[in-house]
Amino acid sequence: MPEVIEEGTFDLADYEDELAAAPTNHDVGTKLVFENERVGVWEIRLQPGERGAFHIHDKPYFWTVVDAGIGRQRSDDGTYVVRRYDVGDTSFGDHSGENHMIHDFENYGDTEIRFMTVELYG
């Protein structure tokens, strides 16, 4: 897993509307580049300071870093983590409807950050 730089908490009330909509927000990236009945391939491309809204992961998926950077991820439990992501870092999340994850993602660095994420539809 990428290096953790900082951890902390934030006020959930600051994102109340987004969090309420997150269970139906399946946009796990900034652009859907391919989809069929088995997979969805997303690009996440964020400039410094840009943030992707809270969304749900309710399918198995993996991501790979294409352009390195620093990202801050807030979770729906009020915690956040800032990590340094290097090219090639890859992680797998085994999520489902019963074992889902809700989070956002912000480019917390000073260069563009880019990931590719592949959701597995079953």
PDB file of N, CA and C in Angstrom:
ATOM      1  N   MET A   1       0.846  -1.180   0.000  1.00  0.00           N
ATOM      2  CA  MET A   1       0.000   0.000   0.000  1.00  0.00           C
ATOM      3  C   MET A   1       0.892   1.244   0.000  1.00  0.00           C
ATOM      4  N   PRO A   2       0.463   2.285  -0.673  1.00  0.00           N
ATOM      5  CA  PRO A   2       1.256   3.526  -0.719  1.00  0.00           C
ATOM      6  C   PRO A   2       1.537   4.093   0.671  1.00  0.00           C
ATOM      7  N   GLU A   3       2.629   4.851   0.746  1.00  0.00           N
ATOM      8  CA  GLU A   3       3.073   5.456   2.000  1.00  0.00           C
ATOM      9  C   GLU A   3       2.028   6.415   2.562  1.00  0.00           C
ATOM     10  N   VAL A   4       1.682   6.241   3.835  1.00  0.00           N
ATOM     11  CA  VAL A   4       0.774   7.150   4.534  1.00  0.00           C
ATOM     12  C   VAL A   4       1.580   8.347   5.019  1.00  0.00           C
ATOM     13  N   ILE A   5       1.097   9.542   4.667  1.00  0.00           N
ATOM     14  CA  ILE A   5       1.761  10.785   5.069  1.00  0.00           C
ATOM     15  C   ILE A   5       1.068  11.407   6.273  1.00  0.00           C
ATOM     16  N   GLU A   6      -0.256  11.280   6.318  1.00  0.00           N
ATOM     17  CA  GLU A   6      -1.036  11.944   7.364  1.00  0.00           C
ATOM     18  C   GLU A   6      -2.365  11.213   7.514  1.00  0.00           C
ATOM     19  N   GLU A   7      -2.890  11.206   8.730  1.00  0.00           N
ATOM     20  CA  GLU A   7      -4.225  10.680   9.006  1.00  0.00           C
ATOM     21  C   GLU A   7      -4.936  11.647   9.934  1.00  0.00           C
ATOM     22  N   GLY A   8      -6.264  11.667   9.858  1.00  0.00           N
ATOM     23  CA  GLY A   8      -7.013  12.557  10.730  1.00  0.00           C
ATOM     24  C   GLY A   8      -8.504  12.378  10.569  1.00  0.00           C
ATOM     25  N   THR A   9      -9.238  13.366  11.059  1.00  0.00           N
ATOM     26  CA  THR A   9     -10.697  13.357  10.964  1.00  0.00           C
ATOM     27  C   THR A   9     -11.163  14.658  10.327  1.00  0.00           C
ATOM     28  N   PHE A  10     -12.396  14.623   9.830  1.00  0.00           N
ATOM     29  CA  PHE A  10     -13.002  15.814   9.241  1.00  0.00           C
ATOM     30  C   PHE A  10     -14.468  15.847   9.660  1.00  0.00           C
ATOM     31  N   ASP A  11     -15.124  16.978   9.436  1.00  0.00           N
ATOM     32  CA  ASP A  11     -16.524  17.165   9.817  1.00  0.00           C
ATOM     33  C   ASP A  11     -17.429  16.634   8.709  1.00  0.00           C
ATOM     34  N   LEU A  12     -18.149  15.551   8.983  1.00  0.00           N
ATOM     35  CA  LEU A  12     -19.056  14.964   8.000  1.00  0.00           C
ATOM     36  C   LEU A  12     -20.101  15.957   7.505  1.00  0.00           C
ATOM     37  N   ALA A  13     -20.484  16.916   8.345  1.00  0.00           N
ATOM     38  CA  ALA A  13     -21.499  17.901   7.960  1.00  0.00           C
ATOM     39  C   ALA A  13     -21.054  18.730   6.756  1.00  0.00           C
ATOM     40  N   ASP A  14     -19.743  18.881   6.556  1.00  0.00           N
ATOM     41  CA  ASP A  14     -19.239  19.648   5.413  1.00  0.00           C
ATOM     42  C   ASP A  14     -19.576  18.977   4.083  1.00  0.00           C
ATOM     43  N   TYR A  15     -19.884  17.680   4.110  1.00  0.00           N
ATOM     44  CA  TYR A  15     -20.149  16.912   2.892  1.00  0.00           C
ATOM     45  C   TYR A  15     -21.500  16.200   2.970  1.00  0.00           C
ATOM     46  N   GLU A  16     -22.408  16.728   3.767  1.00  0.00           N
ATOM     47  CA  GLU A  16     -23.683  16.074   4.052  1.00  0.00           C
ATOM     48  C   GLU A  16     -24.454  15.681   2.789  1.00  0.00           C
ATOM     49  N   ASP A  17     -24.612  16.600   1.834  1.00  0.00           N
ATOM     50  CA  ASP A  17     -25.375  16.305   0.614  1.00  0.00           C
ATOM     51  C   ASP A  17     -24.683  15.238  -0.233  1.00  0.00           C
ATOM     52  N   GLU A  18     -23.378  15.348  -0.394  1.00  0.00           N
ATOM     53  CA  GLU A  18     -22.630  14.348  -1.168  1.00  0.00           C
ATOM     54  C   GLU A  18     -22.717  12.967  -0.531  1.00  0.00           C
ATOM     55  N   LEU A  19     -22.588  12.931   0.790  1.00  0.00           N
ATOM     56  CA  LEU A  19     -22.650  11.645   1.482  1.00  0.00           C
ATOM     57  C   LEU A  19     -24.026  11.004   1.359  1.00  0.00           C
ATOM     58  N   ALA A  20     -25.068  11.825   1.370  1.00  0.00           N
ATOM     59  CA  ALA A  20     -26.427  11.297   1.205  1.00  0.00           C
ATOM     60  C   ALA A  20     -26.619  10.695  -0.178  1.00  0.00           C
ATOM     61  N   ALA A  21     -25.962  11.268  -1.197  1.00  0.00           N
ATOM     62  CA  ALA A  21     -26.084  10.786  -2.579  1.00  0.00           C
ATOM     63  C   ALA A  21     -25.102   9.666  -2.902  1.00  0.00           C
ATOM     64  N   ALA A  22     -24.085   9.481  -2.090  1.00  0.00           N
ATOM     65  CA  ALA A  22     -23.004   8.536  -2.399  1.00  0.00           C
ATOM     66  C   ALA A  22     -23.472   7.100  -2.644  1.00  0.00           C
ATOM     67  N   PRO A  23     -24.462   6.575  -1.926  1.00  0.00           N
ATOM     68  CA  PRO A  23     -24.868   5.179  -2.171  1.00  0.00           C
ATOM     69  C   PRO A  23     -25.404   4.922  -3.583  1.00  0.00           C
ATOM     70  N   THR A  24     -25.754   5.966  -4.288  1.00  0.00           N
ATOM     71  CA  THR A  24     -26.215   5.797  -5.676  1.00  0.00           C
ATOM     72  C   THR A  24     -25.234   6.379  -6.686  1.00  0.00           C
ATOM     73  N   ASN A  25     -24.093   6.877  -6.218  1.00  0.00           N
ATOM     74  CA  ASN A  25     -23.075   7.427  -7.118  1.00  0.00           C
ATOM     75  C   ASN A  25     -22.045   6.342  -7.414  1.00  0.00           C
ATOM     76  N   HIS A  26     -22.156   5.734  -8.591  1.00  0.00           N
ATOM     77  CA  HIS A  26     -21.241   4.673  -9.007  1.00  0.00           C
ATOM     78  C   HIS A  26     -20.129   5.188  -9.922  1.00  0.00           C
ATOM     79  N   ASP A  27     -19.966   6.509 -10.015  1.00  0.00           N
ATOM     80  CA  ASP A  27     -18.892   7.090 -10.815  1.00  0.00           C
ATOM     81  C   ASP A  27     -17.597   7.016 -10.015  1.00  0.00           C
ATOM     82  N   VAL A  28     -16.853   5.939 -10.221  1.00  0.00           N
ATOM     83  CA  VAL A  28     -15.637   5.703  -9.441  1.00  0.00           C
ATOM     84  C   VAL A  28     -14.412   6.355 -10.073  1.00  0.00           C
ATOM     85  N   GLY A  29     -14.625   7.144 -11.099  1.00  0.00           N
ATOM     86  CA  GLY A  29     -13.542   7.860 -11.757  1.00  0.00           C
ATOM     87  C   GLY A  29     -14.066   9.111 -12.406  1.00  0.00           C
ATOM     88  N   THR A  30     -13.180   9.810 -13.105  1.00  0.00           N
ATOM     89  CA  THR A  30     -13.577  11.031 -13.797  1.00  0.00           C
ATOM     90  C   THR A  30     -14.051  10.760 -15.219  1.00  0.00           C
ATOM     91  N   LYS A  31     -13.706   9.565 -15.776  1.00  0.00           N
ATOM     92  CA  LYS A  31     -14.124   9.233 -17.134  1.00  0.00           C
ATOM     93  C   LYS A  31     -14.220   7.717 -17.284  1.00  0.00           C
ATOM     94  N   LEU A  32     -15.373   7.245 -17.755  1.00  0.00           N
ATOM     95  CA  LEU A  32     -15.545   5.830 -18.069  1.00  0.00           C
ATOM     96  C   LEU A  32     -14.992   5.609 -19.471  1.00  0.00           C
ATOM     97  N   VAL A  33     -13.912   4.847 -19.584  1.00  0.00           N
ATOM     98  CA  VAL A  33     -13.254   4.686 -20.882  1.00  0.00           C
ATOM     99  C   VAL A  33     -13.647   3.404 -21.602  1.00  0.00           C
ATOM    100  N   PHE A  34     -14.199   2.429 -20.866  1.00  0.00           N
ATOM    101  CA  PHE A  34     -14.655   1.185 -21.493  1.00  0.00           C
ATOM    102  C   PHE A  34     -15.604   0.491 -20.537  1.00  0.00           C
ATOM    103  N   GLU A  35     -16.649  -0.136 -21.125  1.00  0.00           N
ATOM    104  CA  GLU A  35     -17.565  -0.912 -20.304  1.00  0.00           C
ATOM    105  C   GLU A  35     -18.216  -1.983 -21.153  1.00  0.00           C
ATOM    106  N   ASN A  36     -18.353  -3.165 -20.567  1.00  0.00           N
ATOM    107  CA  ASN A  36     -19.172  -4.218 -21.154  1.00  0.00           C
ATOM    108  C   ASN A  36     -19.879  -4.925 -20.004  1.00  0.00           C
ATOM    109  N   GLU A  37     -20.436  -6.090 -20.249  1.00  0.00           N
ATOM    110  CA  GLU A  37     -21.180  -6.776 -19.192  1.00  0.00           C
ATOM    111  C   GLU A  37     -20.279  -7.341 -18.092  1.00  0.00           C
ATOM    112  N   ARG A  38     -18.966  -7.362 -18.305  1.00  0.00           N
ATOM    113  CA  ARG A  38     -18.047  -7.963 -17.326  1.00  0.00           C
ATOM    114  C   ARG A  38     -17.171  -6.977 -16.572  1.00  0.00           C
ATOM    115  N   VAL A  39     -16.822  -5.828 -17.203  1.00  0.00           N
ATOM    116  CA  VAL A  39     -15.918  -4.868 -16.558  1.00  0.00           C
ATOM    117  C   VAL A  39     -16.306  -3.431 -16.895  1.00  0.00           C
ATOM    118  N   GLY A  40     -15.903  -2.536 -16.024  1.00  0.00           N
ATOM    119  CA  GLY A  40     -15.931  -1.102 -16.284  1.00  0.00           C
ATOM    120  C   GLY A  40     -14.532  -0.566 -16.041  1.00  0.00           C
ATOM    121  N   VAL A  41     -13.992   0.176 -16.993  1.00  0.00           N
ATOM    122  CA  VAL A  41     -12.640   0.725 -16.878  1.00  0.00           C
ATOM    123  C   VAL A  41     -12.751   2.240 -16.764  1.00  0.00           C
ATOM    124  N   TRP A  42     -12.250   2.759 -15.662  1.00  0.00           N
ATOM    125  CA  TRP A  42     -12.338   4.186 -15.362  1.00  0.00           C
ATOM    126  C   TRP A  42     -10.955   4.819 -15.315  1.00  0.00           C
ATOM    127  N   GLU A  43     -10.882   6.055 -15.759  1.00  0.00           N
ATOM    128  CA  GLU A  43      -9.702   6.881 -15.537  1.00  0.00           C
ATOM    129  C   GLU A  43     -10.045   7.868 -14.435  1.00  0.00           C
ATOM    130  N   ILE A  44      -9.116   8.085 -13.536  1.00  0.00           N
ATOM    131  CA  ILE A  44      -9.215   9.149 -12.536  1.00  0.00           C
ATOM    132  C   ILE A  44      -8.073  10.091 -12.846  1.00  0.00           C
ATOM    133  N   ARG A  45      -8.408  11.302 -13.266  1.00  0.00           N
ATOM    134  CA  ARG A  45      -7.402  12.304 -13.622  1.00  0.00           C
ATOM    135  C   ARG A  45      -7.781  13.586 -12.895  1.00  0.00           C
ATOM    136  N   LEU A  46      -6.929  13.996 -11.951  1.00  0.00           N
ATOM    137  CA  LEU A  46      -7.210  15.178 -11.144  1.00  0.00           C
ATOM    138  C   LEU A  46      -6.016  16.118 -11.125  1.00  0.00           C
ATOM    139  N   GLN A  47      -6.290  17.380 -11.341  1.00  0.00           N
ATOM    140  CA  GLN A  47      -5.287  18.424 -11.216  1.00  0.00           C
ATOM    141  C   GLN A  47      -5.121  18.774  -9.739  1.00  0.00           C
ATOM    142  N   PRO A  48      -4.033  19.442  -9.363  1.00  0.00           N
ATOM    143  CA  PRO A  48      -3.855  19.831  -7.963  1.00  0.00           C
ATOM    144  C   PRO A  48      -5.088  20.549  -7.425  1.00  0.00           C
ATOM    145  N   GLY A  49      -5.565  20.094  -6.271  1.00  0.00           N
ATOM    146  CA  GLY A  49      -6.729  20.698  -5.627  1.00  0.00           C
ATOM    147  C   GLY A  49      -8.066  20.152  -6.097  1.00  0.00           C
ATOM    148  N   GLU A  50      -8.106  19.439  -7.215  1.00  0.00           N
ATOM    149  CA  GLU A  50      -9.371  18.859  -7.689  1.00  0.00           C
ATOM    150  C   GLU A  50      -9.738  17.652  -6.843  1.00  0.00           C
ATOM    151  N   ARG A  51     -11.060  17.402  -6.766  1.00  0.00           N
ATOM    152  CA  ARG A  51     -11.566  16.329  -5.921  1.00  0.00           C
ATOM    153  C   ARG A  51     -12.704  15.619  -6.619  1.00  0.00           C
ATOM    154  N   GLY A  52     -12.694  14.303  -6.510  1.00  0.00           N
ATOM    155  CA  GLY A  52     -13.815  13.499  -6.966  1.00  0.00           C
ATOM    156  C   GLY A  52     -14.787  13.328  -5.816  1.00  0.00           C
ATOM    157  N   ALA A  53     -16.077  13.406  -6.111  1.00  0.00           N
ATOM    158  CA  ALA A  53     -17.124  13.361  -5.090  1.00  0.00           C
ATOM    159  C   ALA A  53     -17.171  12.006  -4.383  1.00  0.00           C
ATOM    160  N   PHE A  54     -17.821  11.994  -3.218  1.00  0.00           N
ATOM    161  CA  PHE A  54     -18.063  10.737  -2.523  1.00  0.00           C
ATOM    162  C   PHE A  54     -18.848   9.806  -3.436  1.00  0.00           C
ATOM    163  N   HIS A  55     -18.443   8.542  -3.473  1.00  0.00           N
ATOM    164  CA  HIS A  55     -19.054   7.530  -4.321  1.00  0.00           C
ATOM    165  C   HIS A  55     -18.933   6.175  -3.637  1.00  0.00           C
ATOM    166  N   ILE A  56     -19.624   5.190  -4.184  1.00  0.00           N
ATOM    167  CA  ILE A  56     -19.641   3.862  -3.587  1.00  0.00           C
ATOM    168  C   ILE A  56     -18.852   2.866  -4.431  1.00  0.00           C
ATOM    169  N   HIS A  57     -18.161   1.985  -3.746  1.00  0.00           N
ATOM    170  CA  HIS A  57     -17.559   0.809  -4.372  1.00  0.00           C
ATOM    171  C   HIS A  57     -18.343  -0.388  -3.844  1.00  0.00           C
ATOM    172  N   ASP A  58     -19.124  -1.009  -4.710  1.00  0.00           N
ATOM    173  CA  ASP A  58     -19.910  -2.175  -4.296  1.00  0.00           C
ATOM    174  C   ASP A  58     -19.681  -3.364  -5.223  1.00  0.00           C
ATOM    175  N   LYS A  59     -18.544  -3.328  -5.914  1.00  0.00           N
ATOM    176  CA  LYS A  59     -18.096  -4.415  -6.780  1.00  0.00           C
ATOM    177  C   LYS A  59     -16.596  -4.611  -6.553  1.00  0.00           C
ATOM    178  N   PRO A  60     -16.093  -5.819  -6.780  1.00  0.00           N
ATOM    179  CA  PRO A  60     -14.636  -5.988  -6.722  1.00  0.00           C
ATOM    180  C   PRO A  60     -13.973  -5.083  -7.769  1.00  0.00           C
ATOM    181  N   TYR A  61     -12.818  -4.530  -7.429  1.00  0.00           N
ATOM    182  CA  TYR A  61     -12.126  -3.631  -8.356  1.00  0.00           C
ATOM    183  C   TYR A  61     -10.652  -3.567  -8.004  1.00  0.00           C
ATOM    184  N   PHE A  62      -9.866  -3.079  -8.974  1.00  0.00           N
ATOM    185  CA  PHE A  62      -8.477  -2.756  -8.679  1.00  0.00           C
ATOM    186  C   PHE A  62      -8.129  -1.450  -9.354  1.00  0.00           C
ATOM    187  N   TRP A  63      -7.125  -0.784  -8.805  1.00  0.00           N
ATOM    188  CA  TRP A  63      -6.611   0.448  -9.396  1.00  0.00           C
ATOM    189  C   TRP A  63      -5.101   0.348  -9.516  1.00  0.00           C
ATOM    190  N   THR A  64      -4.587   1.123 -10.484  1.00  0.00           N
ATOM    191  CA  THR A  64      -3.153   1.235 -10.710  1.00  0.00           C
ATOM    192  C   THR A  64      -2.810   2.696 -10.953  1.00  0.00           C
ATOM    193  N   VAL A  65      -1.740   3.171 -10.347  1.00  0.00           N
ATOM    194  CA  VAL A  65      -1.294   4.554 -10.527  1.00  0.00           C
ATOM    195  C   VAL A  65      -0.549   4.675 -11.851  1.00  0.00           C
ATOM    196  N   VAL A  66      -0.986   5.629 -12.665  1.00  0.00           N
ATOM    197  CA  VAL A  66      -0.348   5.911 -13.953  1.00  0.00           C
ATOM    198  C   VAL A  66       0.572   7.132 -13.833  1.00  0.00           C
ATOM    199  N   ASP A  67       0.104   8.181 -13.181  1.00  0.00           N
ATOM    200  CA  ASP A  67       0.906   9.382 -12.914  1.00  0.00           C
ATOM    201  C   ASP A  67       0.923   9.611 -11.409  1.00  0.00           C
ATOM    202  N   ALA A  68       2.105   9.599 -10.818  1.00  0.00           N
ATOM    203  CA  ALA A  68       2.288   9.665  -9.369  1.00  0.00           C
ATOM    204  C   ALA A  68       1.815  10.993  -8.788  1.00  0.00           C
ATOM    205  N   GLY A  69       1.574  10.965  -7.486  1.00  0.00           N
ATOM    206  CA  GLY A  69       1.189  12.185  -6.787  1.00  0.00           C
ATOM    207  C   GLY A  69       0.808  11.904  -5.350  1.00  0.00           C
ATOM    208  N   ILE A  70       0.193  12.894  -4.736  1.00  0.00           N
ATOM    209  CA  ILE A  70      -0.265  12.795  -3.350  1.00  0.00           C
ATOM    210  C   ILE A  70      -1.777  12.938  -3.354  1.00  0.00           C
ATOM    211  N   GLY A  71      -2.453  12.021  -2.688  1.00  0.00           N
ATOM    212  CA  GLY A  71      -3.911  12.044  -2.654  1.00  0.00           C
ATOM    213  C   GLY A  71      -4.439  11.988  -1.242  1.00  0.00           C
ATOM    214  N   ARG A  72      -5.585  12.648  -1.040  1.00  0.00           N
ATOM    215  CA  ARG A  72      -6.290  12.570   0.242  1.00  0.00           C
ATOM    216  C   ARG A  72      -7.613  11.870   0.001  1.00  0.00           C
ATOM    217  N   GLN A  73      -7.866  10.837   0.787  1.00  0.00           N
ATOM    218  CA  GLN A  73      -9.111  10.082   0.693  1.00  0.00           C
ATOM    219  C   GLN A  73      -9.872  10.240   1.998  1.00  0.00           C
ATOM    220  N   ARG A  74     -11.108  10.759   1.883  1.00  0.00           N
ATOM    221  CA  ARG A  74     -11.994  10.856   3.032  1.00  0.00           C
ATOM    222  C   ARG A  74     -12.961   9.683   2.987  1.00  0.00           C
ATOM    223  N   SER A  75     -13.265   9.113   4.146  1.00  0.00           N
ATOM    224  CA  SER A  75     -14.203   8.001   4.240  1.00  0.00           C
ATOM    225  C   SER A  75     -15.473   8.459   4.943  1.00  0.00           C
ATOM    226  N   ASP A  76     -16.530   7.681   4.753  1.00  0.00           N
ATOM    227  CA  ASP A  76     -17.830   8.064   5.308  1.00  0.00           C
ATOM    228  C   ASP A  76     -17.920   7.888   6.820  1.00  0.00           C
ATOM    229  N   ASP A  77     -16.845   7.468   7.465  1.00  0.00           N
ATOM    230  CA  ASP A  77     -16.821   7.394   8.931  1.00  0.00           C
ATOM    231  C   ASP A  77     -16.184   8.634   9.554  1.00  0.00           C
ATOM    232  N   GLY A  78     -15.840   9.641   8.713  1.00  0.00           N
ATOM    233  CA  GLY A  78     -15.267  10.879   9.221  1.00  0.00           C
ATOM    234  C   GLY A  78     -13.758  10.882   9.339  1.00  0.00           C
ATOM    235  N   THR A  79     -13.089   9.871   8.789  1.00  0.00           N
ATOM    236  CA  THR A  79     -11.632   9.837   8.816  1.00  0.00           C
ATOM    237  C   THR A  79     -11.077  10.144   7.426  1.00  0.00           C
ATOM    238  N   TYR A  80      -9.829  10.569   7.394  1.00  0.00           N
ATOM    239  CA  TYR A  80      -9.143  10.749   6.115  1.00  0.00           C
ATOM    240  C   TYR A  80      -7.719  10.238   6.239  1.00  0.00           C
ATOM    241  N   VAL A  81      -7.146   9.952   5.065  1.00  0.00           N
ATOM    242  CA  VAL A  81      -5.743   9.549   4.994  1.00  0.00           C
ATOM    243  C   VAL A  81      -5.122  10.206   3.765  1.00  0.00           C
ATOM    244  N   VAL A  82      -3.915  10.706   3.926  1.00  0.00           N
ATOM    245  CA  VAL A  82      -3.139  11.282   2.827  1.00  0.00           C
ATOM    246  C   VAL A  82      -2.010  10.301   2.532  1.00  0.00           C
ATOM    247  N   ARG A  83      -1.886   9.944   1.236  1.00  0.00           N
ATOM    248  CA  ARG A  83      -0.866   8.974   0.835  1.00  0.00           C
ATOM    249  C   ARG A  83      -0.057   9.499  -0.343  1.00  0.00           C
ATOM    250  N   ARG A  84       1.175   9.019  -0.431  1.00  0.00           N
ATOM    251  CA  ARG A  84       2.027   9.262  -1.597  1.00  0.00           C
ATOM    252  C   ARG A  84       1.858   8.062  -2.523  1.00  0.00           C
ATOM    253  N   TYR A  85       1.438   8.312  -3.759  1.00  0.00           N
ATOM    254  CA  TYR A  85       1.212   7.264  -4.750  1.00  0.00           C
ATOM    255  C   TYR A  85       2.305   7.315  -5.801  1.00  0.00           C
ATOM    256  N   ASP A  86       2.952   6.177  -6.042  1.00  0.00           N
ATOM    257  CA  ASP A  86       4.006   6.069  -7.038  1.00  0.00           C
ATOM    258  C   ASP A  86       3.491   5.314  -8.261  1.00  0.00           C
ATOM    259  N   VAL A  87       4.077   5.606  -9.417  1.00  0.00           N
ATOM    260  CA  VAL A  87       3.702   4.914 -10.651  1.00  0.00           C
ATOM    261  C   VAL A  87       3.799   3.404 -10.427  1.00  0.00           C
ATOM    262  N   GLY A  88       2.753   2.708 -10.808  1.00  0.00           N
ATOM    263  CA  GLY A  88       2.716   1.254 -10.679  1.00  0.00           C
ATOM    264  C   GLY A  88       2.082   0.745  -9.399  1.00  0.00           C
ATOM    265  N   ASP A  89       1.913   1.605  -8.386  1.00  0.00           N
ATOM    266  CA  ASP A  89       1.198   1.157  -7.186  1.00  0.00           C
ATOM    267  C   ASP A  89      -0.153   0.606  -7.613  1.00  0.00           C
ATOM    268  N   THR A  90      -0.520  -0.531  -7.069  1.00  0.00           N
ATOM    269  CA  THR A  90      -1.765  -1.202  -7.437  1.00  0.00           C
ATOM    270  C   THR A  90      -2.391  -1.784  -6.188  1.00  0.00           C
ATOM    271  N   SER A  91      -3.726  -1.741  -6.125  1.00  0.00           N
ATOM    272  CA  SER A  91      -4.431  -2.308  -4.984  1.00  0.00           C
ATOM    273  C   SER A  91      -5.737  -2.921  -5.455  1.00  0.00           C
ATOM    274  N   PHE A  92      -6.192  -3.944  -4.737  1.00  0.00           N
ATOM    275  CA  PHE A  92      -7.435  -4.638  -5.034  1.00  0.00           C
ATOM    276  C   PHE A  92      -8.393  -4.469  -3.870  1.00  0.00           C
ATOM    277  N   GLY A  93      -9.659  -4.161  -4.176  1.00  0.00           N
ATOM    278  CA  GLY A  93     -10.703  -4.071  -3.161  1.00  0.00           C
ATOM    279  C   GLY A  93     -11.788  -5.073  -3.471  1.00  0.00           C
ATOM    280  N   ASP A  94     -12.074  -5.957  -2.534  1.00  0.00           N
ATOM    281  CA  ASP A  94     -13.072  -7.009  -2.742  1.00  0.00           C
ATOM    282  C   ASP A  94     -14.397  -6.567  -2.127  1.00  0.00           C
ATOM    283  N   HIS A  95     -15.097  -5.683  -2.826  1.00  0.00           N
ATOM    284  CA  HIS A  95     -16.323  -5.103  -2.292  1.00  0.00           C
ATOM    285  C   HIS A  95     -17.559  -5.728  -2.926  1.00  0.00           C
ATOM    286  N   SER A  96     -18.681  -5.558  -2.218  1.00  0.00           N
ATOM    287  CA  SER A  96     -19.979  -6.047  -2.680  1.00  0.00           C
ATOM    288  C   SER A  96     -21.046  -5.137  -2.082  1.00  0.00           C
ATOM    289  N   GLY A  97     -22.304  -5.427  -2.384  1.00  0.00           N
ATOM    290  CA  GLY A  97     -23.388  -4.632  -1.808  1.00  0.00           C
ATOM    291  C   GLY A  97     -23.390  -4.658  -0.294  1.00  0.00           C
ATOM    292  N   GLU A  98     -23.060  -5.808   0.283  1.00  0.00           N
ATOM    293  CA  GLU A  98     -23.022  -5.947   1.740  1.00  0.00           C
ATOM    294  C   GLU A  98     -21.714  -5.454   2.341  1.00  0.00           C
ATOM    295  N   ASN A  99     -20.666  -5.441   1.547  1.00  0.00           N
ATOM    296  CA  ASN A  99     -19.331  -5.051   2.003  1.00  0.00           C
ATOM    297  C   ASN A  99     -18.820  -3.912   1.121  1.00  0.00           C
ATOM    298  N   HIS A 100     -19.534  -2.798   1.155  1.00  0.00           N
ATOM    299  CA  HIS A 100     -19.189  -1.680   0.273  1.00  0.00           C
ATOM    300  C   HIS A 100     -18.261  -0.686   0.975  1.00  0.00           C
ATOM    301  N   MET A 101     -17.740   0.234   0.177  1.00  0.00           N
ATOM    302  CA  MET A 101     -16.901   1.311   0.685  1.00  0.00           C
ATOM    303  C   MET A 101     -17.367   2.617   0.042  1.00  0.00           C
ATOM    304  N   ILE A 102     -17.481   3.661   0.866  1.00  0.00           N
ATOM    305  CA  ILE A 102     -17.817   5.000   0.381  1.00  0.00           C
ATOM    306  C   ILE A 102     -16.666   5.927   0.738  1.00  0.00           C
ATOM    307  N   HIS A 103     -16.190   6.672  -0.279  1.00  0.00           N
ATOM    308  CA  HIS A 103     -15.090   7.607  -0.053  1.00  0.00           C
ATOM    309  C   HIS A 103     -15.059   8.648  -1.170  1.00  0.00           C
ATOM    310  N   ASP A 104     -14.258   9.683  -0.976  1.00  0.00           N
ATOM    311  CA  ASP A 104     -13.941  10.621  -2.051  1.00  0.00           C
ATOM    312  C   ASP A 104     -12.455  10.509  -2.325  1.00  0.00           C
ATOM    313  N   PHE A 105     -11.944  11.322  -3.251  1.00  0.00           N
ATOM    314  CA  PHE A 105     -10.506  11.343  -3.510  1.00  0.00           C
ATOM    315  C   PHE A 105     -10.130  12.723  -4.014  1.00  0.00           C
ATOM    316  N   GLU A 106      -9.099  13.299  -3.422  1.00  0.00           N
ATOM    317  CA  GLU A 106      -8.644  14.646  -3.761  1.00  0.00           C
ATOM    318  C   GLU A 106      -7.166  14.618  -4.112  1.00  0.00           C
ATOM    319  N   ASN A 107      -6.792  15.351  -5.162  1.00  0.00           N
ATOM    320  CA  ASN A 107      -5.381  15.534  -5.476  1.00  0.00           C
ATOM    321  C   ASN A 107      -4.841  16.532  -4.471  1.00  0.00           C
ATOM    322  N   TYR A 108      -4.033  16.063  -3.560  1.00  0.00           N
ATOM    323  CA  TYR A 108      -3.514  16.865  -2.463  1.00  0.00           C
ATOM    324  C   TYR A 108      -2.080  17.327  -2.739  1.00  0.00           C
ATOM    325  N   GLY A 109      -1.604  17.029  -3.950  1.00  0.00           N
ATOM    326  CA  GLY A 109      -0.243  17.391  -4.318  1.00  0.00           C
ATOM    327  C   GLY A 109      -0.198  18.589  -5.251  1.00  0.00           C
ATOM    328  N   ASP A 110       0.946  18.749  -5.914  1.00  0.00           N
ATOM    329  CA  ASP A 110       1.132  19.907  -6.799  1.00  0.00           C
ATOM    330  C   ASP A 110       1.358  19.503  -8.252  1.00  0.00           C
ATOM    331  N   THR A 111       1.069  18.241  -8.579  1.00  0.00           N
ATOM    332  CA  THR A 111       1.126  17.770  -9.964  1.00  0.00           C
ATOM    333  C   THR A 111      -0.140  16.969 -10.254  1.00  0.00           C
ATOM    334  N   GLU A 112      -0.456  16.805 -11.541  1.00  0.00           N
ATOM    335  CA  GLU A 112      -1.598  15.978 -11.901  1.00  0.00           C
ATOM    336  C   GLU A 112      -1.399  14.565 -11.367  1.00  0.00           C
ATOM    337  N   ILE A 113      -2.485  13.946 -10.913  1.00  0.00           N
ATOM    338  CA  ILE A 113      -2.452  12.556 -10.474  1.00  0.00           C
ATOM    339  C   ILE A 113      -3.425  11.778 -11.351  1.00  0.00           C
ATOM    340  N   ARG A 114      -3.031  10.546 -11.719  1.00  0.00           N
ATOM    341  CA  ARG A 114      -3.888   9.755 -12.613  1.00  0.00           C
ATOM    342  C   ARG A 114      -3.816   8.285 -12.239  1.00  0.00           C
ATOM    343  N   PHE A 115      -4.989   7.688 -12.164  1.00  0.00           N
ATOM    344  CA  PHE A 115      -5.150   6.270 -11.885  1.00  0.00           C
ATOM    345  C   PHE A 115      -5.995   5.654 -12.985  1.00  0.00           C
ATOM    346  N   MET A 116      -5.895   4.354 -13.134  1.00  0.00           N
ATOM    347  CA  MET A 116      -6.860   3.558 -13.901  1.00  0.00           C
ATOM    348  C   MET A 116      -7.493   2.598 -12.903  1.00  0.00           C
ATOM    349  N   THR A 117      -8.807   2.505 -12.945  1.00  0.00           N
ATOM    350  CA  THR A 117      -9.556   1.630 -12.044  1.00  0.00           C
ATOM    351  C   THR A 117     -10.413   0.698 -12.884  1.00  0.00           C
ATOM    352  N   VAL A 118     -10.389  -0.577 -12.546  1.00  0.00           N
ATOM    353  CA  VAL A 118     -11.180  -1.582 -13.263  1.00  0.00           C
ATOM    354  C   VAL A 118     -12.132  -2.233 -12.275  1.00  0.00           C
ATOM    355  N   GLU A 119     -13.436  -2.066 -12.527  1.00  0.00           N
ATOM    356  CA  GLU A 119     -14.459  -2.734 -11.738  1.00  0.00           C
ATOM    357  C   GLU A 119     -14.821  -4.055 -12.416  1.00  0.00           C
ATOM    358  N   LEU A 120     -15.002  -5.094 -11.617  1.00  0.00           N
ATOM    359  CA  LEU A 120     -15.348  -6.418 -12.114  1.00  0.00           C
ATOM    360  C   LEU A 120     -16.830  -6.653 -11.850  1.00  0.00           C
ATOM    361  N   TYR A 121     -17.605  -6.856 -12.914  1.00  0.00           N
ATOM    362  CA  TYR A 121     -19.053  -6.950 -12.795  1.00  0.00           C
ATOM    363  C   TYR A 121     -19.566  -8.354 -12.520  1.00  0.00           C
ATOM    364  N   GLY A 122     -18.734  -9.343 -12.564  1.00  0.00           N
ATOM    365  CA  GLY A 122     -19.197 -10.670 -12.205  1.00  0.00           C
ATOM    366  C   GLY A 122     -19.431 -11.573 -13.292  1.00  0.00           C
TER     367      GLY A 122
END
